[in-house]
Amino acid sequence: MIDAWSGPAGAPRPQEFRPQPTNGNEALLGSLRRVDERLRDATKNLFGSAGIRLKPGRMVVEQSLDIEGDLTATGSTTIGGRLDVTGNAVFSGDLAVPNGSITNEALATPVGWGYQTSSQSGFGVGPAFASFATATLVVPEGFTAAVLQVFGKVRLFNPGPADWMNIECGISGADGGGMPEPLPAGYSAHEMFGVLPLSGLTGGQAIATAVRVSAQSGLPADSLNLAYTRTVAMFFRA
């Protein structure tokens, strides 16, 4: 008896019962799934090679970040490396940095300071101004302006009758009128405080301060004549 479906052994199978090829839509969907998986693998850490990680509400940059336009930060951005901004940086919140993380060179008006004291004894005083107890301060690199505060004190011996003397504090060798004061006979002490602004300075420049004294009739040298100065300088990057 002949099988109605397969026919005799070895006979060709009817065309209408030939195995069907795989559905084309299913093959296309399978390809799309593989592409989707590859895209997810490639983009799930898109910024990873640059050291950037995204966290809820924040971006973490573990390496350097170069921004060629403006930077506007309204949320939280953590940068573990160097940040270079060639445009404007706008922060709508507070900018908090640890102590010492911004150098003076990066500040708009950083301030430096210097301090010197000096003394001198055994001198005489003539009718023209002379500088005593000269102290020298050196301008730090990058600073171009300063305010000098100079305190000076002198003890003088006048062997003659009462006279007049002038005293001033400031730059050694500079012209100035000073402050006339009575100079009694014998020993007397005189003080002066001067404030002097300076501009156009350069790093490494030396500034000599002193107390400057003159006596109308002149005073001979005396071992107990004494001059003392104390100078404080505030340096600016003006």
C-alpha atoms as a PDB file:
ATOM      1  CA  MET A   1       0.000   0.000   0.000  1.00  0.00           C
ATOM      2  CA  ILE A   2       1.351   3.472  -0.954  1.00  0.00           C
ATOM      3  CA  ASP A   3       1.634   6.056   1.831  1.00  0.00           C
ATOM      4  CA  ALA A   4      -0.524   9.055   0.824  1.00  0.00           C
ATOM      5  CA  TRP A   5       1.987  11.446   2.354  1.00  0.00           C
ATOM      6  CA  SER A   6       5.410  10.107   1.602  1.00  0.00           C
ATOM      7  CA  GLY A   7       4.857   7.718  -1.261  1.00  0.00           C
ATOM      8  CA  PRO A   8       6.985   4.647  -1.835  1.00  0.00           C
ATOM      9  CA  ALA A   9      10.351   4.486  -0.230  1.00  0.00           C
ATOM     10  CA  GLY A  10      12.820   6.589  -2.140  1.00  0.00           C
ATOM     11  CA  ALA A  11      10.145   8.441  -4.126  1.00  0.00           C
ATOM     12  CA  PRO A  12      10.433  12.251  -4.326  1.00  0.00           C
ATOM     13  CA  ARG A  13       8.332  14.144  -1.873  1.00  0.00           C
ATOM     14  CA  PRO A  14       5.520  16.271  -3.229  1.00  0.00           C
ATOM     15  CA  GLN A  15       6.504  19.936  -3.857  1.00  0.00           C
ATOM     16  CA  GLU A  16       3.744  21.326  -1.669  1.00  0.00           C
ATOM     17  CA  PHE A  17       5.260  19.624   1.401  1.00  0.00           C
ATOM     18  CA  ARG A  18       8.854  20.901   0.832  1.00  0.00           C
ATOM     19  CA  PRO A  19      10.382  22.411   4.132  1.00  0.00           C
ATOM     20  CA  GLN A  20       9.873  26.194   4.221  1.00  0.00           C
ATOM     21  CA  PRO A  21      12.854  28.576   4.682  1.00  0.00           C
ATOM     22  CA  THR A  22      13.177  30.640   7.866  1.00  0.00           C
ATOM     23  CA  ASN A  23      10.822  33.626   7.965  1.00  0.00           C
ATOM     24  CA  GLY A  24      12.586  36.771   6.604  1.00  0.00           C
ATOM     25  CA  ASN A  25      11.076  39.070   9.258  1.00  0.00           C
ATOM     26  CA  GLU A  26      12.485  36.929  12.038  1.00  0.00           C
ATOM     27  CA  ALA A  27      15.964  37.071  10.486  1.00  0.00           C
ATOM     28  CA  LEU A  28      15.737  40.853  10.207  1.00  0.00           C
ATOM     29  CA  LEU A  29      14.616  41.187  13.811  1.00  0.00           C
ATOM     30  CA  GLY A  30      17.502  39.006  14.923  1.00  0.00           C
ATOM     31  CA  SER A  31      19.979  41.244  13.097  1.00  0.00           C
ATOM     32  CA  LEU A  32      18.434  44.354  14.629  1.00  0.00           C
ATOM     33  CA  ARG A  33      18.696  42.804  18.086  1.00  0.00           C
ATOM     34  CA  ARG A  34      22.407  42.108  17.563  1.00  0.00           C
ATOM     35  CA  VAL A  35      22.979  45.688  16.346  1.00  0.00           C
ATOM     36  CA  ASP A  36      21.068  47.010  19.357  1.00  0.00           C
ATOM     37  CA  GLU A  37      23.204  44.954  21.713  1.00  0.00           C
ATOM     38  CA  ARG A  38      26.395  46.193  20.096  1.00  0.00           C
ATOM     39  CA  LEU A  39      25.185  49.821  20.328  1.00  0.00           C
ATOM     40  CA  ARG A  40      24.301  49.409  24.003  1.00  0.00           C
ATOM     41  CA  ASP A  41      27.726  47.948  24.701  1.00  0.00           C
ATOM     42  CA  ALA A  42      29.410  50.802  22.818  1.00  0.00           C
ATOM     43  CA  THR A  43      27.426  53.653  24.396  1.00  0.00           C
ATOM     44  CA  LYS A  44      26.689  52.515  27.935  1.00  0.00           C
ATOM     45  CA  ASN A  45      30.041  54.091  28.981  1.00  0.00           C
ATOM     46  CA  LEU A  46      30.345  56.630  26.169  1.00  0.00           C
ATOM     47  CA  PHE A  47      32.545  59.024  28.232  1.00  0.00           C
ATOM     48  CA  GLY A  48      34.470  56.326  30.061  1.00  0.00           C
ATOM     49  CA  SER A  49      37.600  56.651  27.958  1.00  0.00           C
ATOM     50  CA  ALA A  50      37.729  60.356  28.891  1.00  0.00           C
ATOM     51  CA  GLY A  51      37.396  59.596  32.583  1.00  0.00           C
ATOM     52  CA  ILE A  52      33.817  60.928  32.814  1.00  0.00           C
ATOM     53  CA  ARG A  53      31.162  59.158  34.853  1.00  0.00           C
ATOM     54  CA  LEU A  54      27.534  60.155  35.166  1.00  0.00           C
ATOM     55  CA  LYS A  55      25.799  59.857  38.508  1.00  0.00           C
ATOM     56  CA  PRO A  56      22.287  60.898  39.522  1.00  0.00           C
ATOM     57  CA  GLY A  57      22.311  64.698  39.516  1.00  0.00           C
ATOM     58  CA  ARG A  58      26.036  65.032  38.904  1.00  0.00           C
ATOM     59  CA  MET A  59      28.893  64.480  36.491  1.00  0.00           C
ATOM     60  CA  VAL A  60      32.259  63.209  37.683  1.00  0.00           C
ATOM     61  CA  VAL A  61      35.342  64.016  35.594  1.00  0.00           C
ATOM     62  CA  GLU A  62      38.339  62.008  36.759  1.00  0.00           C
ATOM     63  CA  GLN A  63      40.771  63.458  34.214  1.00  0.00           C
ATOM     64  CA  SER A  64      41.275  66.847  32.548  1.00  0.00           C
ATOM     65  CA  LEU A  65      38.350  68.747  31.042  1.00  0.00           C
ATOM     66  CA  ASP A  66      38.875  71.268  28.221  1.00  0.00           C
ATOM     67  CA  ILE A  67      36.021  73.685  27.531  1.00  0.00           C
ATOM     68  CA  GLU A  68      36.407  75.999  24.545  1.00  0.00           C
ATOM     69  CA  GLY A  69      33.186  77.939  25.142  1.00  0.00           C
ATOM     70  CA  ASP A  70      31.417  79.230  28.225  1.00  0.00           C
ATOM     71  CA  LEU A  71      30.993  77.018  31.275  1.00  0.00           C
ATOM     72  CA  THR A  72      27.710  77.288  33.151  1.00  0.00           C
ATOM     73  CA  ALA A  73      27.396  75.091  36.221  1.00  0.00           C
ATOM     74  CA  THR A  74      24.033  74.997  37.977  1.00  0.00           C
ATOM     75  CA  GLY A  75      24.402  71.574  39.531  1.00  0.00           C
ATOM     76  CA  SER A  76      27.261  69.498  40.883  1.00  0.00           C
ATOM     77  CA  THR A  77      30.355  68.833  38.770  1.00  0.00           C
ATOM     78  CA  THR A  78      33.374  67.065  40.232  1.00  0.00           C
ATOM     79  CA  ILE A  79      36.623  67.360  38.299  1.00  0.00           C
ATOM     80  CA  GLY A  80      39.549  65.325  39.519  1.00  0.00           C
ATOM     81  CA  GLY A  81      42.039  66.681  37.004  1.00  0.00           C
ATOM     82  CA  ARG A  82      42.734  69.967  35.294  1.00  0.00           C
ATOM     83  CA  LEU A  83      39.977  72.294  34.055  1.00  0.00           C
ATOM     84  CA  ASP A  84      40.813  74.639  31.162  1.00  0.00           C
ATOM     85  CA  VAL A  85      38.134  77.173  30.232  1.00  0.00           C
ATOM     86  CA  THR A  86      38.891  79.536  27.352  1.00  0.00           C
ATOM     87  CA  GLY A  87      35.480  81.224  27.590  1.00  0.00           C
ATOM     88  CA  ASN A  88      33.537  82.586  30.551  1.00  0.00           C
ATOM     89  CA  ALA A  89      32.775  80.484  33.642  1.00  0.00           C
ATOM     90  CA  VAL A  90      29.408  81.230  35.254  1.00  0.00           C
ATOM     91  CA  PHE A  91      28.444  79.704  38.614  1.00  0.00           C
ATOM     92  CA  SER A  92      24.926  80.285  39.868  1.00  0.00           C
ATOM     93  CA  GLY A  93      25.859  78.883  43.292  1.00  0.00           C
ATOM     94  CA  ASP A  94      28.822  79.290  45.638  1.00  0.00           C
ATOM     95  CA  LEU A  95      32.339  78.383  44.541  1.00  0.00           C
ATOM     96  CA  ALA A  96      34.086  76.612  47.417  1.00  0.00           C
ATOM     97  CA  VAL A  97      37.740  75.581  47.180  1.00  0.00           C
ATOM     98  CA  PRO A  98      40.100  74.145  49.807  1.00  0.00           C
ATOM     99  CA  ASN A  99      42.691  76.387  51.410  1.00  0.00           C
ATOM    100  CA  GLY A 100      45.774  76.813  49.292  1.00  0.00           C
ATOM    101  CA  SER A 101      44.220  75.372  46.126  1.00  0.00           C
ATOM    102  CA  ILE A 102      44.322  78.753  44.339  1.00  0.00           C
ATOM    103  CA  THR A 103      47.732  80.356  44.120  1.00  0.00           C
ATOM    104  CA  ASN A 104      48.306  84.096  44.400  1.00  0.00           C
ATOM    105  CA  GLU A 105      49.101  84.176  40.686  1.00  0.00           C
ATOM    106  CA  ALA A 106      45.539  83.065  39.910  1.00  0.00           C
ATOM    107  CA  LEU A 107      43.885  85.785  41.956  1.00  0.00           C
ATOM    108  CA  ALA A 108      42.845  89.164  40.590  1.00  0.00           C
ATOM    109  CA  THR A 109      44.448  91.210  43.407  1.00  0.00           C
ATOM    110  CA  PRO A 110      46.696  88.988  45.497  1.00  0.00           C
ATOM    111  CA  VAL A 111      48.617  90.591  48.351  1.00  0.00           C
ATOM    112  CA  GLY A 112      52.105  89.874  49.604  1.00  0.00           C
ATOM    113  CA  TRP A 113      54.014  91.427  52.459  1.00  0.00           C
ATOM    114  CA  GLY A 114      57.482  92.113  53.770  1.00  0.00           C
ATOM    115  CA  TYR A 115      58.939  93.206  57.112  1.00  0.00           C
ATOM    116  CA  GLN A 116      62.326  94.650  58.034  1.00  0.00           C
ATOM    117  CA  THR A 117      63.912  96.394  61.011  1.00  0.00           C
ATOM    118  CA  SER A 118      67.193  98.287  61.239  1.00  0.00           C
ATOM    119  CA  SER A 119      69.185 100.395  63.687  1.00  0.00           C
ATOM    120  CA  GLN A 120      72.204 102.672  63.603  1.00  0.00           C
ATOM    121  CA  SER A 121      74.191 104.507  66.272  1.00  0.00           C
ATOM    122  CA  GLY A 122      77.112 106.895  66.733  1.00  0.00           C
ATOM    123  CA  PHE A 123      76.240 109.244  63.887  1.00  0.00           C
ATOM    124  CA  GLY A 124      76.138 113.020  63.554  1.00  0.00           C
ATOM    125  CA  VAL A 125      73.330 115.071  62.011  1.00  0.00           C
ATOM    126  CA  GLY A 126      73.837 117.886  59.529  1.00  0.00           C
ATOM    127  CA  PRO A 127      71.529 120.662  58.300  1.00  0.00           C
ATOM    128  CA  ALA A 128      70.572 118.590  55.205  1.00  0.00           C
ATOM    129  CA  PHE A 129      68.485 115.437  55.360  1.00  0.00           C
ATOM    130  CA  ALA A 130      70.438 112.218  55.851  1.00  0.00           C
ATOM    131  CA  SER A 131      69.107 108.653  55.988  1.00  0.00           C
ATOM    132  CA  PHE A 132      69.700 106.451  59.024  1.00  0.00           C
ATOM    133  CA  ALA A 133      68.805 102.866  59.974  1.00  0.00           C
ATOM    134  CA  THR A 134      68.209 101.924  56.342  1.00  0.00           C
ATOM    135  CA  ALA A 135      66.216  98.734  55.779  1.00  0.00           C
ATOM    136  CA  THR A 136      65.979  96.981  52.396  1.00  0.00           C
ATOM    137  CA  LEU A 137      62.958  95.070  51.127  1.00  0.00           C
ATOM    138  CA  VAL A 138      62.879  93.076  47.861  1.00  0.00           C
ATOM    139  CA  VAL A 139      59.755  93.129  45.684  1.00  0.00           C
ATOM    140  CA  PRO A 140      58.463  89.560  45.173  1.00  0.00           C
ATOM    141  CA  GLU A 141      58.130  88.312  41.608  1.00  0.00           C
ATOM    142  CA  GLY A 142      54.896  89.288  39.893  1.00  0.00           C
ATOM    143  CA  PHE A 143      54.113  92.253  42.147  1.00  0.00           C
ATOM    144  CA  THR A 144      53.972  95.736  40.676  1.00  0.00           C
ATOM    145  CA  ALA A 145      52.733  97.992  43.503  1.00  0.00           C
ATOM    146  CA  ALA A 146      53.242  98.412  47.228  1.00  0.00           C
ATOM    147  CA  VAL A 147      52.239 100.405  50.275  1.00  0.00           C
ATOM    148  CA  LEU A 148      55.082 101.051  52.698  1.00  0.00           C
ATOM    149  CA  GLN A 149      54.494 101.777  56.372  1.00  0.00           C
ATOM    150  CA  VAL A 150      57.662 103.025  58.007  1.00  0.00           C
ATOM    151  CA  PHE A 151      58.069 103.783  61.705  1.00  0.00           C
ATOM    152  CA  GLY A 152      61.227 105.621  62.724  1.00  0.00           C
ATOM    153  CA  LYS A 153      62.658 106.796  66.023  1.00  0.00           C
ATOM    154  CA  VAL A 154      65.827 108.709  66.832  1.00  0.00           C
ATOM    155  CA  ARG A 155      67.599 109.648  70.062  1.00  0.00           C
ATOM    156  CA  LEU A 156      69.862 112.642  69.682  1.00  0.00           C
ATOM    157  CA  PHE A 157      72.326 114.526  71.876  1.00  0.00           C
ATOM    158  CA  ASN A 158      72.412 118.288  71.398  1.00  0.00           C
ATOM    159  CA  PRO A 159      75.475 119.770  73.152  1.00  0.00           C
ATOM    160  CA  GLY A 160      74.436 123.340  72.311  1.00  0.00           C
ATOM    161  CA  PRO A 161      71.385 125.490  72.986  1.00  0.00           C
ATOM    162  CA  ALA A 162      67.866 124.574  71.924  1.00  0.00           C
ATOM    163  CA  ASP A 163      67.503 124.261  68.175  1.00  0.00           C
ATOM    164  CA  TRP A 164      65.208 122.824  65.470  1.00  0.00           C
ATOM    165  CA  MET A 165      65.354 119.497  63.650  1.00  0.00           C
ATOM    166  CA  ASN A 166      63.353 117.729  60.905  1.00  0.00           C
ATOM    167  CA  ILE A 167      62.369 114.057  60.820  1.00  0.00           C
ATOM    168  CA  GLU A 168      60.596 111.945  58.208  1.00  0.00           C
ATOM    169  CA  CYS A 169      60.158 108.272  57.315  1.00  0.00           C
ATOM    170  CA  GLY A 170      60.095 106.868  53.818  1.00  0.00           C
ATOM    171  CA  ILE A 171      62.389 105.945  50.963  1.00  0.00           C
ATOM    172  CA  SER A 172      66.090 106.310  51.661  1.00  0.00           C
ATOM    173  CA  GLY A 173      67.545 109.190  49.641  1.00  0.00           C
ATOM    174  CA  ALA A 174      64.169 110.610  48.624  1.00  0.00           C
ATOM    175  CA  ASP A 175      63.399 114.302  48.866  1.00  0.00           C
ATOM    176  CA  GLY A 176      60.924 115.422  51.475  1.00  0.00           C
ATOM    177  CA  GLY A 177      60.053 118.238  53.784  1.00  0.00           C
ATOM    178  CA  GLY A 178      59.737 116.232  56.962  1.00  0.00           C
ATOM    179  CA  MET A 179      58.232 117.485  60.184  1.00  0.00           C
ATOM    180  CA  PRO A 180      60.042 120.312  62.037  1.00  0.00           C
ATOM    181  CA  GLU A 181      60.342 119.730  65.768  1.00  0.00           C
ATOM    182  CA  PRO A 182      62.038 121.569  68.643  1.00  0.00           C
ATOM    183  CA  LEU A 183      65.448 120.139  69.495  1.00  0.00           C
ATOM    184  CA  PRO A 184      66.164 120.810  73.191  1.00  0.00           C
ATOM    185  CA  ALA A 185      69.601 120.850  74.693  1.00  0.00           C
ATOM    186  CA  GLY A 186      70.851 117.504  75.913  1.00  0.00           C
ATOM    187  CA  TYR A 187      69.235 114.187  74.978  1.00  0.00           C
ATOM    188  CA  SER A 188      65.831 114.003  73.284  1.00  0.00           C
ATOM    189  CA  ALA A 189      63.825 111.343  71.431  1.00  0.00           C
ATOM    190  CA  HIS A 190      61.744 111.895  68.285  1.00  0.00           C
ATOM    191  CA  GLU A 191      59.351 109.576  66.406  1.00  0.00           C
ATOM    192  CA  MET A 192      57.720 109.600  62.999  1.00  0.00           C
ATOM    193  CA  PHE A 193      55.395 107.303  61.050  1.00  0.00           C
ATOM    194  CA  GLY A 194      55.206 107.428  57.256  1.00  0.00           C
ATOM    195  CA  VAL A 195      52.938 105.759  54.692  1.00  0.00           C
ATOM    196  CA  LEU A 196      54.093 105.698  51.086  1.00  0.00           C
ATOM    197  CA  PRO A 197      52.311 104.132  48.051  1.00  0.00           C
ATOM    198  CA  LEU A 198      54.484 102.898  45.186  1.00  0.00           C
ATOM    199  CA  SER A 199      53.654 101.726  41.656  1.00  0.00           C
ATOM    200  CA  GLY A 200      55.557 100.548  38.606  1.00  0.00           C
ATOM    201  CA  LEU A 201      57.580  98.019  40.595  1.00  0.00           C
ATOM    202  CA  THR A 202      59.156  94.855  39.225  1.00  0.00           C
ATOM    203  CA  GLY A 203      59.982  91.562  40.851  1.00  0.00           C
ATOM    204  CA  GLY A 204      63.423  91.516  42.473  1.00  0.00           C
ATOM    205  CA  GLN A 205      63.590  95.304  42.809  1.00  0.00           C
ATOM    206  CA  ALA A 206      65.155  96.521  46.081  1.00  0.00           C
ATOM    207  CA  ILE A 207      63.436  99.236  48.101  1.00  0.00           C
ATOM    208  CA  ALA A 208      65.433 100.940  50.862  1.00  0.00           C
ATOM    209  CA  THR A 209      63.525 102.645  53.657  1.00  0.00           C
ATOM    210  CA  ALA A 210      64.961 104.831  56.411  1.00  0.00           C
ATOM    211  CA  VAL A 211      64.314 107.500  58.991  1.00  0.00           C
ATOM    212  CA  ARG A 212      65.661 110.784  57.628  1.00  0.00           C
ATOM    213  CA  VAL A 213      66.855 113.511  59.956  1.00  0.00           C
ATOM    214  CA  SER A 214      68.317 117.010  59.733  1.00  0.00           C
ATOM    215  CA  ALA A 215      69.263 119.556  62.404  1.00  0.00           C
ATOM    216  CA  GLN A 216      69.214 123.297  61.803  1.00  0.00           C
ATOM    217  CA  SER A 217      72.638 123.939  63.331  1.00  0.00           C
ATOM    218  CA  GLY A 218      73.989 120.422  62.933  1.00  0.00           C
ATOM    219  CA  LEU A 219      74.899 117.920  65.626  1.00  0.00           C
ATOM    220  CA  PRO A 220      78.289 116.284  66.108  1.00  0.00           C
ATOM    221  CA  ALA A 221      78.601 112.514  66.176  1.00  0.00           C
ATOM    222  CA  ASP A 222      77.822 111.003  69.550  1.00  0.00           C
ATOM    223  CA  SER A 223      78.097 107.386  70.609  1.00  0.00           C
ATOM    224  CA  LEU A 224      74.613 107.527  72.132  1.00  0.00           C
ATOM    225  CA  ASN A 225      72.884 108.928  69.077  1.00  0.00           C
ATOM    226  CA  LEU A 226      70.547 106.129  67.916  1.00  0.00           C
ATOM    227  CA  ALA A 227      68.173 105.616  64.991  1.00  0.00           C
ATOM    228  CA  TYR A 228      65.688 102.761  64.615  1.00  0.00           C
ATOM    229  CA  THR A 229      63.253 101.799  61.842  1.00  0.00           C
ATOM    230  CA  ARG A 230      60.527  99.219  61.469  1.00  0.00           C
ATOM    231  CA  THR A 231      59.064  98.784  57.950  1.00  0.00           C
ATOM    232  CA  VAL A 232      56.021  96.810  56.822  1.00  0.00           C
ATOM    233  CA  ALA A 233      55.351  96.507  53.079  1.00  0.00           C
ATOM    234  CA  MET A 234      52.130  95.316  51.459  1.00  0.00           C
ATOM    235  CA  PHE A 235      52.687  94.207  47.847  1.00  0.00           C
ATOM    236  CA  PHE A 236      49.968  94.107  45.181  1.00  0.00           C
ATOM    237  CA  ARG A 237      49.595  92.827  41.608  1.00  0.00           C
ATOM    238  CA  ALA A 238      47.993  96.060  40.435  1.00  0.00           C
END
